[in-house]
PDB file of N, CA and C in Angstrom:
ATOM      1  N   MET A   1       2.830 254.033 -81.502  1.00  0.00           N
ATOM      2  CA  MET A   1       1.982 253.555 -82.563  1.00  0.00           C
ATOM      3  C   MET A   1       1.308 252.220 -82.202  1.00  0.00           C
ATOM      4  N   TYR A   2       2.043 251.365 -81.476  1.00  0.00           N
ATOM      5  CA  TYR A   2       1.446 250.093 -81.090  1.00  0.00           C
ATOM      6  C   TYR A   2       0.239 250.305 -80.184  1.00  0.00           C
ATOM      7  N   MET A   3       0.329 251.283 -79.316  1.00  0.00           N
ATOM      8  CA  MET A   3      -0.791 251.560 -78.408  1.00  0.00           C
ATOM      9  C   MET A   3      -2.011 252.019 -79.187  1.00  0.00           C
ATOM     10  N   VAL A   4      -1.792 252.819 -80.224  1.00  0.00           N
ATOM     11  CA  VAL A   4      -2.906 253.307 -81.042  1.00  0.00           C
ATOM     12  C   VAL A   4      -3.564 252.138 -81.770  1.00  0.00           C
ATOM     13  N   VAL A   5      -2.752 251.298 -82.384  1.00  0.00           N
ATOM     14  CA  VAL A   5      -3.295 250.137 -83.095  1.00  0.00           C
ATOM     15  C   VAL A   5      -4.007 249.202 -82.122  1.00  0.00           C
ATOM     16  N   SER A   6      -3.432 249.007 -80.949  1.00  0.00           N
ATOM     17  CA  SER A   6      -4.062 248.160 -79.926  1.00  0.00           C
ATOM     18  C   SER A   6      -5.427 248.704 -79.539  1.00  0.00           C
ATOM     19  N   HIS A   7      -5.490 249.999 -79.302  1.00  0.00           N
ATOM     20  CA  HIS A   7      -6.758 250.630 -78.914  1.00  0.00           C
ATOM     21  C   HIS A   7      -7.784 250.502 -80.047  1.00  0.00           C
ATOM     22  N   ALA A   8      -7.362 250.757 -81.268  1.00  0.00           N
ATOM     23  CA  ALA A   8      -8.277 250.649 -82.410  1.00  0.00           C
ATOM     24  C   ALA A   8      -8.797 249.217 -82.547  1.00  0.00           C
ATOM     25  N   LEU A   9      -7.915 248.247 -82.402  1.00  0.00           N
ATOM     26  CA  LEU A   9      -8.325 246.849 -82.504  1.00  0.00           C
ATOM     27  C   LEU A   9      -9.321 246.478 -81.409  1.00  0.00           C
ATOM     28  N   GLU A  10      -9.084 246.963 -80.200  1.00  0.00           N
ATOM     29  CA  GLU A  10     -10.021 246.693 -79.107  1.00  0.00           C
ATOM     30  C   GLU A  10     -11.391 247.294 -79.402  1.00  0.00           C
ATOM     31  N   GLN A  11     -11.425 248.474 -79.980  1.00  0.00           N
ATOM     32  CA  GLN A  11     -12.702 249.116 -80.320  1.00  0.00           C
ATOM     33  C   GLN A  11     -13.421 248.344 -81.422  1.00  0.00           C
ATOM     34  N   ILE A  12     -12.686 247.895 -82.425  1.00  0.00           N
ATOM     35  CA  ILE A  12     -13.278 247.147 -83.532  1.00  0.00           C
ATOM     36  C   ILE A  12     -13.780 245.784 -83.078  1.00  0.00           C
ATOM     37  N   GLU A  13     -12.960 245.076 -82.286  1.00  0.00           N
ATOM     38  CA  GLU A  13     -13.286 243.721 -81.849  1.00  0.00           C
ATOM     39  C   GLU A  13     -14.298 243.701 -80.697  1.00  0.00           C
ATOM     40  N   GLY A  14     -14.347 244.777 -79.913  1.00  0.00           N
ATOM     41  CA  GLY A  14     -15.247 244.808 -78.766  1.00  0.00           C
ATOM     42  C   GLY A  14     -14.767 243.960 -77.602  1.00  0.00           C
ATOM     43  N   ARG A  15     -13.473 243.711 -77.534  1.00  0.00           N
ATOM     44  CA  ARG A  15     -12.881 242.955 -76.426  1.00  0.00           C
ATOM     45  C   ARG A  15     -11.427 243.407 -76.273  1.00  0.00           C
ATOM     46  N   THR A  16     -10.785 242.958 -75.209  1.00  0.00           N
ATOM     47  CA  THR A  16      -9.412 243.381 -74.951  1.00  0.00           C
ATOM     48  C   THR A  16      -8.469 242.787 -75.996  1.00  0.00           C
ATOM     49  N   LEU A  17      -7.305 243.387 -76.121  1.00  0.00           N
ATOM     50  CA  LEU A  17      -6.301 242.885 -77.046  1.00  0.00           C
ATOM     51  C   LEU A  17      -5.884 241.467 -76.674  1.00  0.00           C
ATOM     52  N   GLY A  18      -5.736 241.203 -75.388  1.00  0.00           N
ATOM     53  CA  GLY A  18      -5.383 239.856 -74.938  1.00  0.00           C
ATOM     54  C   GLY A  18      -6.412 238.818 -75.349  1.00  0.00           C
ATOM     55  N   GLU A  19      -7.678 239.149 -75.230  1.00  0.00           N
ATOM     56  CA  GLU A  19      -8.744 238.221 -75.640  1.00  0.00           C
ATOM     57  C   GLU A  19      -8.701 237.983 -77.145  1.00  0.00           C
ATOM     58  N   THR A  20      -8.438 239.034 -77.908  1.00  0.00           N
ATOM     59  CA  THR A  20      -8.358 238.907 -79.366  1.00  0.00           C
ATOM     60  C   THR A  20      -7.169 238.043 -79.774  1.00  0.00           C
ATOM     61  N   LEU A  21      -6.005 238.285 -79.171  1.00  0.00           N
ATOM     62  CA  LEU A  21      -4.829 237.474 -79.495  1.00  0.00           C
ATOM     63  C   LEU A  21      -5.062 236.013 -79.144  1.00  0.00           C
ATOM     64  N   LYS A  22      -5.689 235.768 -78.002  1.00  0.00           N
ATOM     65  CA  LYS A  22      -5.973 234.383 -77.592  1.00  0.00           C
ATOM     66  C   LYS A  22      -6.884 233.694 -78.597  1.00  0.00           C
ATOM     67  N   LYS A  23      -7.956 234.362 -78.976  1.00  0.00           N
ATOM     68  CA  LYS A  23      -8.927 233.752 -79.881  1.00  0.00           C
ATOM     69  C   LYS A  23      -8.372 233.567 -81.292  1.00  0.00           C
ATOM     70  N   ARG A  24      -7.672 234.576 -81.789  1.00  0.00           N
ATOM     71  CA  ARG A  24      -7.267 234.569 -83.196  1.00  0.00           C
ATOM     72  C   ARG A  24      -5.896 233.954 -83.472  1.00  0.00           C
ATOM     73  N   ILE A  25      -5.016 233.952 -82.473  1.00  0.00           N
ATOM     74  CA  ILE A  25      -3.654 233.451 -82.732  1.00  0.00           C
ATOM     75  C   ILE A  25      -3.268 232.323 -81.783  1.00  0.00           C
ATOM     76  N   TRP A  26      -3.313 232.585 -80.462  1.00  0.00           N
ATOM     77  CA  TRP A  26      -2.788 231.600 -79.519  1.00  0.00           C
ATOM     78  C   TRP A  26      -3.584 230.307 -79.509  1.00  0.00           C
ATOM     79  N   ASP A  27      -4.913 230.375 -79.459  1.00  0.00           N
ATOM     80  CA  ASP A  27      -5.716 229.146 -79.451  1.00  0.00           C
ATOM     81  C   ASP A  27      -5.522 228.327 -80.730  1.00  0.00           C
ATOM     82  N   PRO A  28      -5.615 228.937 -81.926  1.00  0.00           N
ATOM     83  CA  PRO A  28      -5.404 228.144 -83.144  1.00  0.00           C
ATOM     84  C   PRO A  28      -4.013 227.500 -83.233  1.00  0.00           C
ATOM     85  N   LEU A  29      -3.015 228.120 -82.641  1.00  0.00           N
ATOM     86  CA  LEU A  29      -1.658 227.560 -82.656  1.00  0.00           C
ATOM     87  C   LEU A  29      -1.407 226.596 -81.500  1.00  0.00           C
ATOM     88  N   GLY A  30      -2.391 226.417 -80.630  1.00  0.00           N
ATOM     89  CA  GLY A  30      -2.229 225.531 -79.485  1.00  0.00           C
ATOM     90  C   GLY A  30      -1.338 226.124 -78.407  1.00  0.00           C
ATOM     91  N   MET A  31      -1.304 227.447 -78.331  1.00  0.00           N
ATOM     92  CA  MET A  31      -0.488 228.137 -77.326  1.00  0.00           C
ATOM     93  C   MET A  31      -1.315 228.308 -76.042  1.00  0.00           C
ATOM     94  N   ASP A  32      -1.501 227.193 -75.347  1.00  0.00           N
ATOM     95  CA  ASP A  32      -2.364 227.169 -74.165  1.00  0.00           C
ATOM     96  C   ASP A  32      -1.683 227.700 -72.909  1.00  0.00           C
ATOM     97  N   ASP A  33      -0.389 227.913 -72.980  1.00  0.00           N
ATOM     98  CA  ASP A  33       0.381 228.373 -71.819  1.00  0.00           C
ATOM     99  C   ASP A  33       0.936 229.779 -72.068  1.00  0.00           C
ATOM    100  N   THR A  34       0.188 230.581 -72.831  1.00  0.00           N
ATOM    101  CA  THR A  34       0.584 231.953 -73.154  1.00  0.00           C
ATOM    102  C   THR A  34      -0.481 232.895 -72.616  1.00  0.00           C
ATOM    103  N   TYR A  35      -0.021 233.989 -72.008  1.00  0.00           N
ATOM    104  CA  TYR A  35      -0.927 234.928 -71.355  1.00  0.00           C
ATOM    105  C   TYR A  35      -0.593 236.344 -71.789  1.00  0.00           C
ATOM    106  N   PHE A  36      -1.540 237.225 -71.629  1.00  0.00           N
ATOM    107  CA  PHE A  36      -1.351 238.599 -72.075  1.00  0.00           C
ATOM    108  C   PHE A  36      -0.557 239.441 -71.090  1.00  0.00           C
ATOM    109  N   SER A  37      -0.529 239.032 -69.837  1.00  0.00           N
ATOM    110  CA  SER A  37       0.195 239.821 -68.840  1.00  0.00           C
ATOM    111  C   SER A  37       0.612 238.935 -67.673  1.00  0.00           C
ATOM    112  N   VAL A  38       1.523 239.457 -66.863  1.00  0.00           N
ATOM    113  CA  VAL A  38       1.931 238.760 -65.648  1.00  0.00           C
ATOM    114  C   VAL A  38       0.729 238.577 -64.736  1.00  0.00           C
ATOM    115  N   THR A  39      -0.142 239.572 -64.704  1.00  0.00           N
ATOM    116  CA  THR A  39      -1.348 239.491 -63.874  1.00  0.00           C
ATOM    117  C   THR A  39      -2.207 238.305 -64.302  1.00  0.00           C
ATOM    118  N   ASP A  40      -2.406 238.139 -65.608  1.00  0.00           N
ATOM    119  CA  ASP A  40      -3.199 237.009 -66.111  1.00  0.00           C
ATOM    120  C   ASP A  40      -2.546 235.677 -65.741  1.00  0.00           C
ATOM    121  N   ALA A  41      -1.243 235.586 -65.940  1.00  0.00           N
ATOM    122  CA  ALA A  41      -0.534 234.337 -65.657  1.00  0.00           C
ATOM    123  C   ALA A  41      -0.538 234.013 -64.170  1.00  0.00           C
ATOM    124  N   SER A  42      -0.430 235.019 -63.318  1.00  0.00           N
ATOM    125  CA  SER A  42      -0.343 234.760 -61.881  1.00  0.00           C
ATOM    126  C   SER A  42      -1.689 234.429 -61.244  1.00  0.00           C
ATOM    127  N   ARG A  43      -2.772 234.556 -61.986  1.00  0.00           N
ATOM    128  CA  ARG A  43      -4.087 234.185 -61.434  1.00  0.00           C
ATOM    129  C   ARG A  43      -4.205 232.687 -61.203  1.00  0.00           C
ATOM    130  N   ASP A  44      -3.458 231.905 -61.966  1.00  0.00           N
ATOM    131  CA  ASP A  44      -3.485 230.457 -61.818  1.00  0.00           C
ATOM    132  C   ASP A  44      -2.395 230.053 -60.821  1.00  0.00           C
ATOM    133  N   PRO A  45      -2.766 229.555 -59.640  1.00  0.00           N
ATOM    134  CA  PRO A  45      -1.767 229.213 -58.615  1.00  0.00           C
ATOM    135  C   PRO A  45      -0.723 228.201 -59.106  1.00  0.00           C
ATOM    136  N   SER A  46      -1.084 227.321 -60.051  1.00  0.00           N
ATOM    137  CA  SER A  46      -0.124 226.328 -60.539  1.00  0.00           C
ATOM    138  C   SER A  46       0.948 226.956 -61.422  1.00  0.00           C
ATOM    139  N   LEU A  47       0.696 228.170 -61.937  1.00  0.00           N
ATOM    140  CA  LEU A  47       1.684 228.830 -62.785  1.00  0.00           C
ATOM    141  C   LEU A  47       2.667 229.697 -62.005  1.00  0.00           C
ATOM    142  N   ARG A  48       2.273 230.150 -60.843  1.00  0.00           N
ATOM    143  CA  ARG A  48       3.132 231.064 -60.074  1.00  0.00           C
ATOM    144  C   ARG A  48       4.560 230.546 -59.875  1.00  0.00           C
ATOM    145  N   PRO A  49       4.760 229.259 -59.545  1.00  0.00           N
ATOM    146  CA  PRO A  49       6.145 228.785 -59.353  1.00  0.00           C
ATOM    147  C   PRO A  49       6.969 228.830 -60.649  1.00  0.00           C
ATOM    148  N   ARG A  50       6.326 228.806 -61.793  1.00  0.00           N
ATOM    149  CA  ARG A  50       7.035 228.809 -63.080  1.00  0.00           C
ATOM    150  C   ARG A  50       7.252 230.215 -63.628  1.00  0.00           C
ATOM    151  N   LEU A  51       6.646 231.210 -63.031  1.00  0.00           N
ATOM    152  CA  LEU A  51       6.756 232.582 -63.502  1.00  0.00           C
ATOM    153  C   LEU A  51       8.095 233.157 -63.046  1.00  0.00           C
ATOM    154  N   MET A  52       8.976 233.401 -63.989  1.00  0.00           N
ATOM    155  CA  MET A  52      10.322 233.851 -63.663  1.00  0.00           C
ATOM    156  C   MET A  52      10.347 235.347 -63.343  1.00  0.00           C
ATOM    157  N   GLN A  53      11.303 235.713 -62.529  1.00  0.00           N
ATOM    158  CA  GLN A  53      11.434 237.095 -62.085  1.00  0.00           C
ATOM    159  C   GLN A  53      12.865 237.563 -62.354  1.00  0.00           C
ATOM    160  N   GLY A  54      13.013 238.843 -62.652  1.00  0.00           N
ATOM    161  CA  GLY A  54      14.338 239.408 -62.870  1.00  0.00           C
ATOM    162  C   GLY A  54      15.027 239.763 -61.561  1.00  0.00           C
ATOM    163  N   TYR A  55      16.350 239.794 -61.598  1.00  0.00           N
ATOM    164  CA  TYR A  55      17.141 240.123 -60.409  1.00  0.00           C
ATOM    165  C   TYR A  55      18.224 241.130 -60.777  1.00  0.00           C
ATOM    166  N   THR A  56      18.614 241.927 -59.824  1.00  0.00           N
ATOM    167  CA  THR A  56      19.701 242.883 -59.978  1.00  0.00           C
ATOM    168  C   THR A  56      20.767 242.581 -58.931  1.00  0.00           C
ATOM    169  N   TRP A  57      22.034 242.635 -59.346  1.00  0.00           N
ATOM    170  CA  TRP A  57      23.130 242.385 -58.414  1.00  0.00           C
ATOM    171  C   TRP A  57      23.380 243.637 -57.582  1.00  0.00           C
ATOM    172  N   ASP A  58      23.391 243.483 -56.281  1.00  0.00           N
ATOM    173  CA  ASP A  58      23.651 244.581 -55.356  1.00  0.00           C
ATOM    174  C   ASP A  58      25.092 244.453 -54.876  1.00  0.00           C
ATOM    175  N   THR A  59      25.938 245.377 -55.330  1.00  0.00           N
ATOM    176  CA  THR A  59      27.363 245.313 -54.960  1.00  0.00           C
ATOM    177  C   THR A  59      27.605 245.601 -53.479  1.00  0.00           C
ATOM    178  N   ASP A  60      26.693 246.317 -52.837  1.00  0.00           N
ATOM    179  CA  ASP A  60      26.854 246.614 -51.413  1.00  0.00           C
ATOM    180  C   ASP A  60      26.706 245.369 -50.543  1.00  0.00           C
ATOM    181  N   THR A  61      25.769 244.497 -50.938  1.00  0.00           N
ATOM    182  CA  THR A  61      25.505 243.305 -50.124  1.00  0.00           C
ATOM    183  C   THR A  61      26.003 242.015 -50.784  1.00  0.00           C
ATOM    184  N   ASP A  62      26.523 242.134 -52.005  1.00  0.00           N
ATOM    185  CA  ASP A  62      26.976 240.964 -52.775  1.00  0.00           C
ATOM    186  C   ASP A  62      25.888 239.906 -52.906  1.00  0.00           C
ATOM    187  N   THR A  63      24.684 240.373 -53.166  1.00  0.00           N
ATOM    188  CA  THR A  63      23.550 239.467 -53.357  1.00  0.00           C
ATOM    189  C   THR A  63      22.675 239.971 -54.507  1.00  0.00           C
ATOM    190  N   TYR A  64      21.843 239.081 -54.970  1.00  0.00           N
ATOM    191  CA  TYR A  64      20.854 239.459 -55.969  1.00  0.00           C
ATOM    192  C   TYR A  64      19.598 239.956 -55.266  1.00  0.00           C
ATOM    193  N   ILE A  65      18.987 240.981 -55.822  1.00  0.00           N
ATOM    194  CA  ILE A  65      17.743 241.523 -55.286  1.00  0.00           C
ATOM    195  C   ILE A  65      16.655 241.329 -56.338  1.00  0.00           C
ATOM    196  N   ALA A  66      15.552 240.719 -55.926  1.00  0.00           N
ATOM    197  CA  ALA A  66      14.445 240.471 -56.860  1.00  0.00           C
ATOM    198  C   ALA A  66      13.826 241.787 -57.305  1.00  0.00           C
ATOM    199  N   GLU A  67      13.583 241.895 -58.597  1.00  0.00           N
ATOM    200  CA  GLU A  67      12.917 243.069 -59.160  1.00  0.00           C
ATOM    201  C   GLU A  67      11.425 242.776 -59.258  1.00  0.00           C
ATOM    202  N   PRO A  68      10.594 243.769 -59.020  1.00  0.00           N
ATOM    203  CA  PRO A  68       9.144 243.530 -59.151  1.00  0.00           C
ATOM    204  C   PRO A  68       8.773 243.300 -60.619  1.00  0.00           C
ATOM    205  N   TYR A  69       7.697 242.574 -60.827  1.00  0.00           N
ATOM    206  CA  TYR A  69       7.194 242.379 -62.180  1.00  0.00           C
ATOM    207  C   TYR A  69       6.773 243.719 -62.747  1.00  0.00           C
ATOM    208  N   MET A  70       7.005 243.901 -64.012  1.00  0.00           N
ATOM    209  CA  MET A  70       6.616 245.145 -64.669  1.00  0.00           C
ATOM    210  C   MET A  70       5.128 245.126 -64.994  1.00  0.00           C
ATOM    211  N   ASN A  71       4.486 246.261 -64.839  1.00  0.00           N
ATOM    212  CA  ASN A  71       3.099 246.409 -65.252  1.00  0.00           C
ATOM    213  C   ASN A  71       3.134 247.003 -66.660  1.00  0.00           C
ATOM    214  N   ASP A  72       2.933 246.156 -67.661  1.00  0.00           N
ATOM    215  CA  ASP A  72       3.051 246.577 -69.055  1.00  0.00           C
ATOM    216  C   ASP A  72       1.745 247.075 -69.649  1.00  0.00           C
ATOM    217  N   ALA A  73       0.771 247.391 -68.836  1.00  0.00           N
ATOM    218  CA  ALA A  73      -0.543 247.783 -69.355  1.00  0.00           C
ATOM    219  C   ALA A  73      -0.466 248.967 -70.311  1.00  0.00           C
ATOM    220  N   ALA A  74       0.433 249.903 -70.049  1.00  0.00           N
ATOM    221  CA  ALA A  74       0.510 251.098 -70.892  1.00  0.00           C
ATOM    222  C   ALA A  74       1.131 250.822 -72.252  1.00  0.00           C
ATOM    223  N   VAL A  75       1.845 249.729 -72.399  1.00  0.00           N
ATOM    224  CA  VAL A  75       2.510 249.433 -73.671  1.00  0.00           C
ATOM    225  C   VAL A  75       2.088 248.072 -74.219  1.00  0.00           C
ATOM    226  N   THR A  76       0.862 247.689 -73.960  1.00  0.00           N
ATOM    227  CA  THR A  76       0.412 246.346 -74.290  1.00  0.00           C
ATOM    228  C   THR A  76       0.628 245.961 -75.747  1.00  0.00           C
ATOM    229  N   GLY A  77       0.391 246.839 -76.660  1.00  0.00           N
ATOM    230  CA  GLY A  77       0.564 246.496 -78.061  1.00  0.00           C
ATOM    231  C   GLY A  77       2.008 246.300 -78.462  1.00  0.00           C
ATOM    232  N   ALA A  78       2.919 246.768 -77.638  1.00  0.00           N
ATOM    233  CA  ALA A  78       4.342 246.662 -77.953  1.00  0.00           C
ATOM    234  C   ALA A  78       4.981 245.438 -77.304  1.00  0.00           C
ATOM    235  N   GLY A  79       4.187 244.560 -76.735  1.00  0.00           N
ATOM    236  CA  GLY A  79       4.754 243.318 -76.237  1.00  0.00           C
ATOM    237  C   GLY A  79       4.547 243.008 -74.787  1.00  0.00           C
ATOM    238  N   ALA A  80       3.339 242.983 -74.315  1.00  0.00           N
ATOM    239  CA  ALA A  80       3.065 242.619 -72.928  1.00  0.00           C
ATOM    240  C   ALA A  80       2.540 241.191 -72.890  1.00  0.00           C
ATOM    241  N   MET A  81       3.362 240.251 -73.329  1.00  0.00           N
ATOM    242  CA  MET A  81       2.951 238.866 -73.433  1.00  0.00           C
ATOM    243  C   MET A  81       3.829 238.017 -72.527  1.00  0.00           C
ATOM    244  N   VAL A  82       3.241 237.041 -71.866  1.00  0.00           N
ATOM    245  CA  VAL A  82       3.970 236.116 -71.007  1.00  0.00           C
ATOM    246  C   VAL A  82       3.813 234.736 -71.611  1.00  0.00           C
ATOM    247  N   SER A  83       4.943 234.113 -71.908  1.00  0.00           N
ATOM    248  CA  SER A  83       4.897 232.817 -72.562  1.00  0.00           C
ATOM    249  C   SER A  83       6.133 232.013 -72.174  1.00  0.00           C
ATOM    250  N   SER A  84       6.271 230.863 -72.782  1.00  0.00           N
ATOM    251  CA  SER A  84       7.447 230.027 -72.555  1.00  0.00           C
ATOM    252  C   SER A  84       8.174 229.836 -73.879  1.00  0.00           C
ATOM    253  N   VAL A  85       9.372 229.319 -73.804  1.00  0.00           N
ATOM    254  CA  VAL A  85      10.143 229.072 -75.019  1.00  0.00           C
ATOM    255  C   VAL A  85       9.397 228.090 -75.926  1.00  0.00           C
ATOM    256  N   LEU A  86       8.865 227.031 -75.341  1.00  0.00           N
ATOM    257  CA  LEU A  86       8.156 226.036 -76.145  1.00  0.00           C
ATOM    258  C   LEU A  86       6.920 226.623 -76.815  1.00  0.00           C
ATOM    259  N   GLU A  87       6.219 227.492 -76.110  1.00  0.00           N
ATOM    260  CA  GLU A  87       5.051 228.145 -76.703  1.00  0.00           C
ATOM    261  C   GLU A  87       5.471 229.080 -77.836  1.00  0.00           C
ATOM    262  N   TYR A  88       6.541 229.828 -77.610  1.00  0.00           N
ATOM    263  CA  TYR A  88       7.011 230.782 -78.623  1.00  0.00           C
ATOM    264  C   TYR A  88       7.432 230.062 -79.907  1.00  0.00           C
ATOM    265  N   THR A  89       7.962 228.847 -79.775  1.00  0.00           N
ATOM    266  CA  THR A  89       8.352 228.104 -80.978  1.00  0.00           C
ATOM    267  C   THR A  89       7.151 227.771 -81.850  1.00  0.00           C
ATOM    268  N   LYS A  90       5.975 227.666 -81.270  1.00  0.00           N
ATOM    269  CA  LYS A  90       4.765 227.425 -82.069  1.00  0.00           C
ATOM    270  C   LYS A  90       4.501 228.616 -82.983  1.00  0.00           C
ATOM    271  N   TRP A  91       4.679 229.824 -82.442  1.00  0.00           N
ATOM    272  CA  TRP A  91       4.520 231.042 -83.235  1.00  0.00           C
ATOM    273  C   TRP A  91       5.603 231.104 -84.323  1.00  0.00           C
ATOM    274  N   LEU A  92       6.846 230.854 -83.941  1.00  0.00           N
ATOM    275  CA  LEU A  92       7.945 230.895 -84.911  1.00  0.00           C
ATOM    276  C   LEU A  92       7.745 229.879 -86.030  1.00  0.00           C
ATOM    277  N   ARG A  93       7.323 228.680 -85.668  1.00  0.00           N
ATOM    278  CA  ARG A  93       7.081 227.631 -86.664  1.00  0.00           C
ATOM    279  C   ARG A  93       6.002 228.066 -87.652  1.00  0.00           C
ATOM    280  N   ALA A  94       4.943 228.682 -87.159  1.00  0.00           N
ATOM    281  CA  ALA A  94       3.872 229.157 -88.040  1.00  0.00           C
ATOM    282  C   ALA A  94       4.380 230.236 -88.993  1.00  0.00           C
ATOM    283  N   MET A  95       5.257 231.108 -88.490  1.00  0.00           N
ATOM    284  CA  MET A  95       5.811 232.169 -89.344  1.00  0.00           C
ATOM    285  C   MET A  95       6.810 231.601 -90.352  1.00  0.00           C
ATOM    286  N   ILE A  96       7.677 230.699 -89.930  1.00  0.00           N
ATOM    287  CA  ILE A  96       8.697 230.135 -90.822  1.00  0.00           C
ATOM    288  C   ILE A  96       8.057 229.300 -91.925  1.00  0.00           C
ATOM    289  N   TYR A  97       7.130 228.432 -91.552  1.00  0.00           N
ATOM    290  CA  TYR A  97       6.515 227.539 -92.535  1.00  0.00           C
ATOM    291  C   TYR A  97       5.272 228.148 -93.189  1.00  0.00           C
ATOM    292  N   GLN A  98       4.975 229.373 -92.829  1.00  0.00           N
ATOM    293  CA  GLN A  98       3.873 230.141 -93.418  1.00  0.00           C
ATOM    294  C   GLN A  98       2.549 229.387 -93.368  1.00  0.00           C
ATOM    295  N   ASN A  99       2.236 228.906 -92.165  1.00  0.00           N
ATOM    296  CA  ASN A  99       0.936 228.281 -91.949  1.00  0.00           C
ATOM    297  C   ASN A  99       0.355 228.827 -90.659  1.00  0.00           C
ATOM    298  N   GLY A 100      -0.809 228.399 -90.338  1.00  0.00           N
ATOM    299  CA  GLY A 100      -1.420 228.871 -89.102  1.00  0.00           C
ATOM    300  C   GLY A 100      -2.498 229.904 -89.363  1.00  0.00           C
ATOM    301  N   PRO A 101      -2.850 230.614 -88.325  1.00  0.00           N
ATOM    302  CA  PRO A 101      -4.039 231.464 -88.413  1.00  0.00           C
ATOM    303  C   PRO A 101      -3.855 232.781 -89.158  1.00  0.00           C
ATOM    304  N   ILE A 102      -2.642 233.124 -89.569  1.00  0.00           N
ATOM    305  CA  ILE A 102      -2.424 234.399 -90.244  1.00  0.00           C
ATOM    306  C   ILE A 102      -2.379 234.180 -91.748  1.00  0.00           C
ATOM    307  N   SER A 103      -3.133 234.990 -92.473  1.00  0.00           N
ATOM    308  CA  SER A 103      -3.188 234.874 -93.932  1.00  0.00           C
ATOM    309  C   SER A 103      -1.852 235.285 -94.546  1.00  0.00           C
ATOM    310  N   PRO A 104      -1.591 234.880 -95.791  1.00  0.00           N
ATOM    311  CA  PRO A 104      -0.364 235.327 -96.460  1.00  0.00           C
ATOM    312  C   PRO A 104      -0.250 236.855 -96.514  1.00  0.00           C
ATOM    313  N   GLN A 105      -1.352 237.541 -96.740  1.00  0.00           N
ATOM    314  CA  GLN A 105      -1.333 239.006 -96.765  1.00  0.00           C
ATOM    315  C   GLN A 105      -0.999 239.565 -95.375  1.00  0.00           C
ATOM    316  N   GLY A 106      -1.597 238.992 -94.342  1.00  0.00           N
ATOM    317  CA  GLY A 106      -1.310 239.431 -92.974  1.00  0.00           C
ATOM    318  C   GLY A 106       0.134 239.189 -92.597  1.00  0.00           C
ATOM    319  N   ARG A 107       0.675 238.037 -92.997  1.00  0.00           N
ATOM    320  CA  ARG A 107       2.072 237.715 -92.718  1.00  0.00           C
ATOM    321  C   ARG A 107       3.001 238.709 -93.424  1.00  0.00           C
ATOM    322  N   ALA A 108       2.681 239.035 -94.674  1.00  0.00           N
ATOM    323  CA  ALA A 108       3.495 240.002 -95.421  1.00  0.00           C
ATOM    324  C   ALA A 108       3.493 241.363 -94.733  1.00  0.00           C
ATOM    325  N   GLU A 109       2.346 241.762 -94.184  1.00  0.00           N
ATOM    326  CA  GLU A 109       2.271 243.050 -93.478  1.00  0.00           C
ATOM    327  C   GLU A 109       3.077 243.020 -92.181  1.00  0.00           C
ATOM    328  N   LEU A 110       3.093 241.867 -91.501  1.00  0.00           N
ATOM    329  CA  LEU A 110       3.886 241.755 -90.275  1.00  0.00           C
ATOM    330  C   LEU A 110       5.379 241.889 -90.565  1.00  0.00           C
ATOM    331  N   LEU A 111       5.805 241.394 -91.714  1.00  0.00           N
ATOM    332  CA  LEU A 111       7.230 241.392 -92.059  1.00  0.00           C
ATOM    333  C   LEU A 111       7.673 242.626 -92.829  1.00  0.00           C
ATOM    334  N   LYS A 112       6.742 243.455 -93.202  1.00  0.00           N
ATOM    335  CA  LYS A 112       7.041 244.651 -93.999  1.00  0.00           C
ATOM    336  C   LYS A 112       7.830 245.673 -93.164  1.00  0.00           C
ATOM    337  N   PRO A 113       8.981 246.122 -93.674  1.00  0.00           N
ATOM    338  CA  PRO A 113       9.753 247.130 -92.927  1.00  0.00           C
ATOM    339  C   PRO A 113       8.975 248.447 -92.838  1.00  0.00           C
ATOM    340  N   ARG A 114       9.054 249.070 -91.680  1.00  0.00           N
ATOM    341  CA  ARG A 114       8.398 250.356 -91.477  1.00  0.00           C
ATOM    342  C   ARG A 114       9.302 251.229 -90.632  1.00  0.00           C
ATOM    343  N   THR A 115       9.284 252.491 -90.941  1.00  0.00           N
ATOM    344  CA  THR A 115      10.031 253.453 -90.146  1.00  0.00           C
ATOM    345  C   THR A 115       9.403 254.823 -90.310  1.00  0.00           C
ATOM    346  N   ILE A 116       9.625 255.660 -89.346  1.00  0.00           N
ATOM    347  CA  ILE A 116       9.137 257.038 -89.410  1.00  0.00           C
ATOM    348  C   ILE A 116      10.364 257.931 -89.513  1.00  0.00           C
ATOM    349  N   ILE A 117      10.410 258.728 -90.553  1.00  0.00           N
ATOM    350  CA  ILE A 117      11.526 259.643 -90.748  1.00  0.00           C
ATOM    351  C   ILE A 117      11.015 261.064 -90.646  1.00  0.00           C
ATOM    352  N   THR A 118      11.603 261.823 -89.749  1.00  0.00           N
ATOM    353  CA  THR A 118      11.217 263.225 -89.613  1.00  0.00           C
ATOM    354  C   THR A 118      12.354 264.106 -90.112  1.00  0.00           C
ATOM    355  N   ASN A 119      11.996 265.225 -90.650  1.00  0.00           N
ATOM    356  CA  ASN A 119      13.028 266.160 -91.150  1.00  0.00           C
ATOM    357  C   ASN A 119      13.216 267.310 -90.196  1.00  0.00           C
TER     358      ASN A 119
END
């Protein structure tokens, strides 16, 4: 469902979901260090050293093996965002104190429980 909503939003806005989120949410909240994907974040050479990577423990060699970055393009609406803890707190603060770029109606829709029940 997130992919469908993402696609619809891109068609309505005439730009990518990442561009829309940046313009409508991240910029107004001062989230200047938040990106839509690992690809976007890695374009800036100064960010590459700060971009964290996952590791898996290899019991055969008793070492950690770096995992490749995930390409989240297929699930972008479901959370393909790269940010930092400090940046994320800006979003949380806006939601907790009910201020920022999202209207009260929009905030209520974000918090509204939803589920799909099939028989």
